[in-house]
Protein backbone atom coordinates (compact mmCIF):
# COMPACT_ATOMS: atom_id res chain seq x y z
CA MET A 1 0.30 -0.14 -0.13
CA GLY A 2 1.10 3.46 -0.71
CA ILE A 3 0.13 6.91 -0.34
CA ARG A 4 1.01 10.08 -3.47
CA ASP A 5 1.32 13.76 -4.18
CA ARG A 6 -0.44 13.94 -7.51
CA GLY A 7 2.05 11.31 -8.06
CA ASN A 8 4.92 12.08 -5.87
CA PRO A 9 5.47 9.11 -3.07
CA LEU A 10 4.71 9.64 0.58
CA ALA A 11 5.09 6.57 1.98
CA SER A 12 4.60 2.99 1.41
CA ASP A 13 4.40 -0.32 3.51
CA ASP A 14 3.95 -4.13 3.15
CA ASN A 15 4.04 -6.14 6.47
CA SER A 16 3.92 -3.75 9.40
CA GLY A 17 0.40 -3.69 10.19
CA GLY A 18 1.39 -7.57 11.58
CA GLY A 19 1.31 -11.03 9.24
CA THR A 20 0.34 -9.70 5.82
CA THR A 21 -1.35 -6.05 7.04
CA ALA A 22 0.09 -3.17 5.40
CA LEU A 23 0.18 0.38 7.89
CA LEU A 24 0.79 3.46 7.28
CA ARG A 25 0.37 6.11 10.68
CA ASN A 26 1.08 9.53 10.67
CA ILE A 27 1.59 10.55 7.79
CA LEU A 28 1.90 14.26 7.04
CA LEU A 29 0.12 15.51 4.43
CA PRO A 30 2.66 18.17 2.08
CA ALA A 31 -0.97 20.65 1.63
CA SER A 32 -4.14 20.87 1.13
CA GLY A 33 -5.90 18.94 -1.93
CA GLU A 34 -6.17 15.19 -3.58
CA TYR A 35 -3.69 12.47 -2.66
CA ILE A 36 -3.95 8.79 -3.77
CA ILE A 37 -4.17 5.28 -2.47
CA ARG A 38 -2.83 2.65 -4.04
CA ALA A 39 -3.65 -1.30 -2.92
CA ARG A 40 -2.05 -4.11 -4.46
CA GLY A 41 -0.88 -7.22 -3.49
CA ASP A 42 0.46 -10.99 -4.36
CA GLY A 43 -2.89 -12.95 -5.47
CA VAL A 44 -6.51 -11.15 -5.33
CA GLY A 45 -8.99 -11.09 -2.62
CA GLU A 46 -11.14 -9.02 -0.59
CA TYR A 47 -9.60 -6.22 1.53
CA ARG A 48 -10.67 -3.91 3.45
CA LEU A 49 -9.06 -0.08 3.92
CA GLY A 50 -9.66 1.81 6.91
CA LEU A 51 -8.45 5.70 6.86
CA THR A 52 -8.31 8.19 10.21
CA LEU A 53 -7.86 11.89 10.15
CA SER A 54 -6.45 13.74 12.73
CA LEU A 55 -4.94 17.41 12.90
CA GLU A 56 -2.44 16.01 16.01
CA ARG A 57 0.02 12.68 15.93
CA LEU A 58 -1.65 10.07 17.08
CA PRO A 59 0.42 8.43 19.92
CA VAL A 60 2.74 4.93 19.49
CA THR A 61 3.71 3.13 21.64
CA PRO A 62 7.21 1.71 20.86
CA ASN A 63 8.25 -1.71 21.15
CA ILE A 64 10.15 -2.51 23.60
CA PRO A 65 13.02 -5.78 23.78
CA PRO A 66 13.39 -7.06 27.09
CA PRO A 67 17.14 -6.92 27.82
CA THR A 68 17.15 -11.24 28.27
CA PRO A 69 18.07 -12.76 24.95
CA THR A 70 16.62 -16.15 24.80
CA ALA A 71 18.36 -19.68 24.35
CA THR A 72 18.11 -21.79 21.55
CA PRO A 73 15.77 -24.42 21.84
CA THR A 74 16.14 -27.78 22.29
CA ALA A 75 16.93 -29.41 19.12
CA THR A 76 13.80 -31.59 17.43
CA ALA A 77 14.64 -34.73 16.14
CA GLU A 78 16.43 -34.16 12.96
CA PRO A 79 15.02 -36.90 9.77
CA ARG A 80 18.23 -39.63 8.64
CA SER A 81 20.95 -37.56 7.65
CA ASP A 82 24.90 -38.77 6.63
CA ARG A 83 26.44 -37.71 9.70
CA LEU A 84 25.63 -36.95 13.28
CA LEU A 85 26.08 -33.83 15.01
CA ASP A 86 26.76 -32.24 18.22
CA HIS A 87 23.77 -32.67 20.37
CA VAL A 88 21.10 -33.14 17.82
CA PRO A 89 19.19 -36.35 17.43
CA VAL A 90 18.19 -37.94 14.03
CA THR A 91 15.09 -40.30 13.96
CA GLY A 92 14.81 -43.41 11.89
CA VAL A 93 13.79 -46.44 12.05
CA ILE A 94 14.65 -50.62 11.47
CA ALA A 95 11.79 -52.14 9.52
CA ARG A 96 12.71 -55.62 8.70
CA PRO A 97 14.42 -58.01 11.44
CA GLY A 98 18.47 -57.47 10.32
CA ASP A 99 17.85 -54.83 9.11
CA PHE A 100 20.90 -51.77 10.07
CA ALA A 101 21.26 -48.29 9.31
CA ARG A 102 24.72 -46.74 8.97
CA TYR A 103 25.59 -43.61 10.95
CA PRO A 104 28.96 -41.47 10.59
CA ILE A 105 30.93 -39.14 13.40
CA VAL A 106 33.85 -37.23 12.36
CA ALA A 107 36.80 -37.52 15.77
CA LEU A 108 39.72 -35.82 16.59
CA GLU A 109 42.47 -38.17 18.11
CA GLY A 110 41.74 -37.68 22.39
CA GLU A 111 38.10 -36.41 21.53
CA VAL A 112 35.45 -37.91 24.05
CA PHE A 113 32.27 -38.63 22.57
CA THR A 114 28.91 -40.73 23.77
CA VAL A 115 26.46 -42.02 21.85
CA GLY A 116 23.16 -44.03 21.95
CA VAL A 117 19.90 -45.05 20.43
CA SER A 118 16.82 -44.27 22.07
CA PRO A 119 13.08 -46.27 21.49
CA VAL A 120 10.22 -43.62 20.47
CA GLY A 121 7.54 -44.29 22.34
CA SER A 122 5.51 -47.68 21.43
CA SER A 123 8.43 -48.60 19.35
CA GLY A 124 9.35 -52.76 19.70
CA LEU A 125 12.55 -51.98 18.93
CA ARG A 126 15.43 -53.28 22.07
CA PRO A 127 18.13 -51.18 20.01
CA ARG A 128 21.86 -52.14 19.37
CA ILE A 129 24.52 -50.23 18.73
CA GLU A 130 28.68 -51.06 17.49
CA LEU A 131 30.75 -48.27 17.37
CA TYR A 132 33.93 -49.21 13.87
CA SER A 133 37.17 -46.78 14.17
CA PRO A 134 38.19 -44.91 11.24
CA SER A 135 40.47 -48.38 10.25
CA GLY A 136 37.29 -50.39 10.27
CA GLU A 137 37.45 -52.39 13.28
CA LEU A 138 35.03 -52.71 16.12
CA VAL A 139 35.85 -50.69 19.48
CA ARG A 140 32.70 -50.27 20.97
CA GLN A 141 29.36 -52.11 21.01
CA ALA A 142 26.10 -51.35 23.55
CA SER A 143 22.85 -52.85 23.64
CA ALA A 144 19.33 -52.29 25.30
CA SER A 145 19.73 -55.25 27.37
CA LEU A 146 23.10 -53.88 28.73
CA SER A 147 23.39 -50.61 28.99
CA ASN A 148 21.12 -49.53 32.32
CA ALA A 149 19.95 -47.15 30.41
CA ALA A 150 16.12 -47.38 30.41
CA GLY A 151 16.23 -49.26 27.49
CA ASP A 152 18.74 -47.57 25.63
CA ALA A 153 21.98 -48.41 23.64
CA LEU A 154 24.71 -46.18 25.29
CA VAL A 155 28.39 -46.23 24.35
CA PRO A 156 29.38 -43.46 27.36
CA ALA A 157 32.31 -41.51 27.30
CA TYR A 158 34.32 -42.81 24.29
CA GLN A 159 37.47 -41.56 23.50
CA ALA A 160 38.63 -41.79 20.01
CA ALA A 161 42.31 -43.72 19.48
CA GLU A 162 42.63 -41.48 16.02
CA SER A 163 41.37 -39.23 13.78
CA GLY A 164 38.36 -39.96 11.26
CA THR A 165 35.93 -41.11 10.90
CA TYR A 166 34.07 -43.52 13.53
CA VAL A 167 30.70 -45.38 12.03
CA ALA A 168 28.11 -45.83 14.81
CA LEU A 169 25.57 -49.24 13.10
CA VAL A 170 22.13 -49.65 14.40
CA LEU A 171 20.02 -52.84 15.10
CA GLY A 172 17.70 -54.54 16.76
CA GLU A 173 18.31 -56.61 20.01
CA GLY A 174 17.06 -60.32 18.82
CA GLY A 175 15.10 -58.99 15.70
CA THR A 176 13.26 -56.53 16.94
CA THR A 177 12.04 -53.48 14.68
CA GLY A 178 10.30 -49.90 15.13
CA GLU A 179 11.42 -46.41 15.46
CA TYR A 180 14.32 -44.51 17.51
CA ILE A 181 16.19 -41.58 17.98
CA ILE A 182 19.92 -41.81 17.39
CA SER A 183 21.93 -38.79 18.50
CA TYR A 184 26.19 -37.93 19.97
CA GLY A 185 28.02 -35.59 21.69
CA LEU A 186 31.07 -34.99 22.36
CA GLY A 187 32.01 -34.99 26.12
CA VAL A 188 30.12 -36.76 28.20
CA SER A 189 26.56 -36.44 27.36
CA ARG A 190 24.32 -36.69 24.03
CA GLU A 191 21.37 -35.15 24.27
CA ASN A 192 19.79 -31.60 25.82
CA ILE A 193 16.90 -31.04 28.01
CA LEU A 194 16.00 -27.29 28.03
CA ARG A 195 15.14 -26.18 31.68
CA GLY A 196 14.10 -23.06 31.05
CA PRO A 197 15.85 -19.74 32.73
CA LEU A 198 17.19 -19.64 36.28
CA TYR A 199 17.56 -16.82 38.48
CA ALA A 200 19.87 -15.73 41.19
CA ASP A 201 19.50 -17.27 44.65
CA GLN A 202 16.64 -19.65 43.74
CA THR A 203 17.12 -22.90 43.92
CA MET A 204 15.58 -24.93 41.00
CA THR A 205 14.63 -28.97 40.95
CA GLY A 206 16.27 -31.18 38.17
CA ASP A 207 16.15 -34.83 37.31
CA ILE A 208 18.50 -36.56 34.44
CA ALA A 209 15.91 -38.93 33.73
CA ARG A 210 18.75 -41.54 31.23
CA ARG A 211 22.78 -41.72 31.43
CA GLY A 212 23.70 -39.85 28.64
CA LEU A 213 21.27 -37.02 29.19
CA ARG A 214 22.33 -33.30 29.61
CA ASP A 215 19.80 -30.45 31.56
CA VAL A 216 20.75 -26.96 29.92
CA TRP A 217 19.53 -24.21 32.46
CA THR A 218 19.66 -20.74 30.92
CA VAL A 219 21.33 -17.85 33.05
CA TYR A 220 22.04 -14.07 31.46
CA LEU A 221 25.22 -12.53 33.07
CA ASN A 222 26.38 -8.52 32.32
CA ALA A 223 30.41 -8.29 31.53
CA GLY A 224 32.38 -8.19 34.78
CA ASP A 225 29.81 -10.04 36.91
CA VAL A 226 31.33 -12.56 38.99
CA ILE A 227 29.37 -16.12 40.06
CA THR A 228 29.27 -18.97 42.00
CA ALA A 229 27.06 -21.84 41.59
CA THR A 230 26.71 -25.75 42.57
CA ALA A 231 24.41 -28.76 41.73
CA ASN A 232 23.50 -30.88 44.83
CA PRO A 233 22.49 -34.76 44.09
CA GLN A 234 19.57 -35.43 46.15
CA SER A 235 21.58 -39.45 45.90
CA SER A 236 24.36 -40.46 46.47
CA LEU A 237 24.15 -43.00 42.90
CA PHE A 238 23.87 -39.98 40.86
CA ASP A 239 27.33 -37.83 39.88
CA PRO A 240 26.75 -34.43 38.36
CA VAL A 241 29.45 -32.21 36.85
CA LEU A 242 28.87 -28.79 36.08
CA GLU A 243 29.79 -26.54 34.08
CA LEU A 244 29.08 -22.96 32.64
CA VAL A 245 28.60 -21.98 28.90
CA ALA A 246 29.54 -18.60 27.71
CA PRO A 247 27.47 -17.12 24.70
CA ASP A 248 29.28 -17.78 21.78
CA GLY A 249 30.22 -21.60 23.19
CA SER A 250 33.01 -21.80 25.31
CA ILE A 251 33.34 -23.41 28.05
CA ILE A 252 34.08 -20.66 31.10
CA ALA A 253 33.94 -23.27 33.86
CA TRP A 254 33.71 -26.37 35.17
CA ASP A 255 33.36 -28.84 37.81
CA ASP A 256 32.79 -32.67 39.44
CA ASN A 257 33.15 -32.83 43.31
CA SER A 258 34.52 -29.34 44.77
CA GLY A 259 31.66 -29.09 46.87
CA GLY A 260 32.50 -32.23 48.50
CA GLY A 261 31.78 -35.57 47.82
CA LEU A 262 29.31 -35.62 44.73
CA THR A 263 28.58 -32.55 44.68
CA PRO A 264 30.08 -30.06 41.93
CA LEU A 265 30.58 -26.38 42.63
CA ILE A 266 32.54 -23.71 40.73
CA GLY A 267 33.53 -21.76 43.77
CA SER A 268 33.85 -18.38 40.63
CA ALA A 269 33.87 -17.44 37.41
CA ARG A 270 33.38 -13.97 35.58
CA ALA A 271 31.47 -12.95 33.09
CA PRO A 272 33.47 -11.94 29.86
CA VAL A 273 30.94 -10.26 27.91
CA THR A 274 27.21 -9.58 28.54
CA GLY A 275 24.68 -12.53 26.87
CA ALA A 276 23.03 -15.47 27.43
CA TYR A 277 25.50 -17.79 29.38
CA LEU A 278 23.77 -22.00 29.94
CA LEU A 279 24.69 -24.21 32.93
CA ARG A 280 24.50 -27.18 31.87
CA VAL A 281 24.26 -30.63 34.26
CA ALA A 282 25.45 -34.40 33.11
CA GLY A 283 26.27 -37.61 34.75
CA ALA A 284 30.24 -37.44 34.96
CA SER A 285 31.35 -40.13 32.61
CA ALA A 286 27.68 -40.74 31.51
CA ALA A 287 27.58 -43.36 34.26
CA SER A 288 24.73 -42.14 35.70
CA SER A 289 21.36 -40.23 36.17
CA GLY A 290 18.97 -39.34 38.95
CA ALA A 291 17.73 -35.70 40.48
CA TYR A 292 19.58 -32.81 41.31
CA THR A 293 18.62 -29.03 43.09
CA VAL A 294 20.64 -26.41 41.38
CA ILE A 295 21.34 -22.55 42.17
CA TRP A 296 23.94 -19.40 41.29
CA ARG A 297 23.99 -16.61 42.91
CA TYR A 298 26.26 -13.24 41.87
CA VAL A 299 29.69 -12.85 43.63
CA ALA A 300 30.12 -9.39 42.56
CA ALA A 301 27.31 -7.90 40.06
CA ALA A 302 29.26 -5.54 37.13
CA PRO A 303 26.84 -2.41 36.69
CA THR A 304 23.63 -3.66 34.70
CA ALA A 305 23.42 -3.80 31.59
CA THR A 306 21.77 -0.43 28.91
CA PRO A 307 18.96 -2.21 27.56
CA PRO A 308 17.93 -2.20 24.02
CA ALA A 309 16.19 0.78 22.29
CA ALA A 310 12.56 1.01 21.79
CA THR A 311 11.46 0.68 18.47
CA ILE A 312 8.26 1.54 16.60
CA LEU A 313 7.64 -0.18 13.29
CA LEU A 314 7.57 2.06 10.16
CA MET A 315 7.74 -0.01 7.35
CA SER A 316 8.24 -4.13 6.75
CA VAL A 317 8.70 -5.27 3.14
CA ASP A 318 8.66 -8.53 1.53
CA ASP A 319 10.30 -8.00 -1.99
CA VAL A 320 11.95 -9.06 -4.91
CA ALA A 321 15.64 -7.30 -6.48
CA PRO A 322 16.11 -7.61 -10.20
CA GLU A 323 19.99 -7.63 -10.65
CA ARG A 324 21.39 -3.86 -11.02
CA THR A 325 17.86 -2.32 -10.92
CA TYR A 326 17.32 0.47 -7.71
CA LEU A 327 14.26 -0.39 -5.56
CA ASP A 328 13.21 2.92 -4.26
CA TYR A 329 10.61 2.44 -0.96
CA PRO A 330 9.33 5.62 0.18
CA PHE A 331 8.50 6.33 4.03
CA GLN A 332 8.35 9.24 6.17
CA GLY A 333 10.57 10.41 8.89
CA LEU A 334 11.10 13.29 11.41
CA ALA A 335 13.71 15.78 11.91
CA GLY A 336 15.88 14.04 14.73
CA GLN A 337 14.47 11.05 14.66
CA ARG A 338 17.07 8.09 14.37
CA ILE A 339 16.16 5.35 12.57
CA LEU A 340 17.80 1.90 11.66
CA ILE A 341 17.37 -0.11 8.31
CA ARG A 342 18.20 -3.23 7.69
CA VAL A 343 18.44 -5.57 4.72
CA THR A 344 18.19 -9.40 4.71
CA ALA A 345 18.78 -11.45 1.30
CA SER A 346 16.10 -14.49 1.89
CA PRO A 347 16.71 -17.77 2.83
CA GLY A 348 18.35 -19.48 -0.07
CA SER A 349 18.47 -16.09 -2.55
CA SER A 350 21.53 -15.50 -4.42
CA LEU A 351 21.34 -11.75 -3.40
CA ASP A 352 24.12 -9.75 -1.92
CA PRO A 353 22.07 -6.70 -0.95
CA VAL A 354 22.70 -2.80 -0.76
CA VAL A 355 20.66 -0.19 1.14
CA ALA A 356 21.01 3.58 0.45
CA LEU A 357 19.02 6.26 2.19
CA VAL A 358 18.04 9.34 0.03
CA ALA A 359 16.30 11.93 0.33
CA ALA A 360 13.64 13.50 -1.25
CA ASP A 361 15.16 15.71 -3.63
CA GLY A 362 17.50 12.59 -5.06
CA THR A 363 20.90 12.88 -2.51
CA ILE A 364 22.17 10.48 -0.50
CA LEU A 365 22.37 10.84 2.58
CA ALA A 366 24.19 7.24 2.95
CA ARG A 367 24.72 4.17 1.71
CA VAL A 368 26.15 0.83 3.37
CA ASP A 369 27.08 -3.12 0.76
CA ASP A 370 28.18 -5.18 4.25
CA TYR A 371 27.80 -5.33 8.26
CA GLY A 372 31.00 -6.35 9.94
CA ASP A 373 31.56 -9.96 8.47
CA ASP A 374 27.88 -10.08 7.47
CA LEU A 375 26.51 -9.78 3.91
CA ASN A 376 23.47 -8.39 5.12
CA PRO A 377 23.25 -4.61 5.39
CA VAL A 378 22.50 -2.56 8.32
CA LEU A 379 21.76 1.40 7.82
CA GLU A 380 21.32 3.73 11.37
CA TYR A 381 21.20 7.53 10.69
CA VAL A 382 19.85 10.60 12.38
CA LEU A 383 17.12 11.99 9.88
CA PRO A 384 17.68 15.88 9.06
CA ALA A 385 14.38 17.21 8.48
CA THR A 386 10.65 16.12 8.69
CA GLY A 387 9.38 14.79 4.79
CA THR A 388 9.73 12.03 2.87
CA TYR A 389 13.06 9.78 2.33
CA PHE A 390 13.57 6.79 0.28
CA ALA A 391 14.99 3.42 1.32
CA ARG A 392 17.19 2.75 -2.01
CA VAL A 393 17.63 -1.08 -2.22
CA ASP A 394 19.85 -3.39 -4.99
CA GLY A 395 21.90 -5.87 -5.47
CA TYR A 396 24.32 -4.65 -7.78
CA GLN A 397 24.69 -7.95 -9.71
CA SER A 398 23.50 -10.54 -8.21
CA SER A 399 19.27 -11.04 -7.45
CA GLY A 400 16.90 -12.25 -5.46
CA ALA A 401 14.03 -11.99 -2.46
CA PHE A 402 14.80 -9.86 0.95
CA GLU A 403 13.07 -8.72 3.32
CA MET A 404 13.55 -4.64 4.70
CA THR A 405 12.55 -3.54 8.44
CA ILE A 406 12.74 0.55 8.97
CA GLU A 407 12.57 1.42 12.41
CA ALA A 408 12.39 3.77 14.55
CA LEU A 409 14.50 4.12 17.55
CA TYR A 410 14.09 6.15 20.82
């Protein structure tokens, strides 16, 4: 949808109203007279057009993003693939007695990894797993009846004797068949269970239901925070390990039994950056499972980080950029208003987008190609005057689909 003054574009939008709803608001009309509102869309269908006239700008509530980022969700089981990835479960099926499935695992000499197979739901499969080295030697085997892992076949904490591609074979014990999930992980676990956020001085109860699983708690820390954390097993049969992981995936601290007995204790760990950290709990050497309580506290708190800026969405567009073609999208802004323009190539698109901010008289105020190492540009600019501006998108010698948003920052 767009609005024009005798052919001159004033503003346009595609999806700012949510979903596929176009929304133009607080458009300043430069003079009395006739204006044109033009609506178009992909496909055909009915629509409803609403118009509100006002002598003053209508209030718009900015969107204030929460300062706490969301942790990556637990990976759902993926369809069968050629290579197992760290802590990514994969589904499979043994359809007939005697069938088997083959899964490559890439490991370096000295690395420790855990691999296991779980029957799915009411599956009749009693899984068996065989692990072969890059040279073809059978180095480990496990079955549901001997693994003591609640029906899983588990190879725990295997240390690779050589670098290369190992192969895990999945079979049905005693000719059994059915669906299963296989997963592998570096270290002493093979599958993550997300437990959600964990706040300072809050004691929470967790449960490692089966050997080889790992509980993941989310902790938001500011750069410079120093914390302590512990996981207290509720049974003498469970020996947990505890680790603190930075937002980039690096392990900041790890412990097994420093808290006395089987209790892990991270006595003092400093957060190098602000972001979402993970406290991960697993059984040592994937040898045990059970319930526990977990808690963390501040030793020293860094100053609170500045919260993200509040935003108002001015424009949202999905479009396709042809090669060597400029696409101009008009929008209205206010003098002194700080805006943020993001252009993101759609998944599978070959577009390397470029974005420019253009004044009504054609003057290019700013132009951005890449954003650091990212090919998708981000342009931030303070508007010099109230009026109509254009966001100009092109792909130079590339073409493809993209998404663009323009936000006002407060």
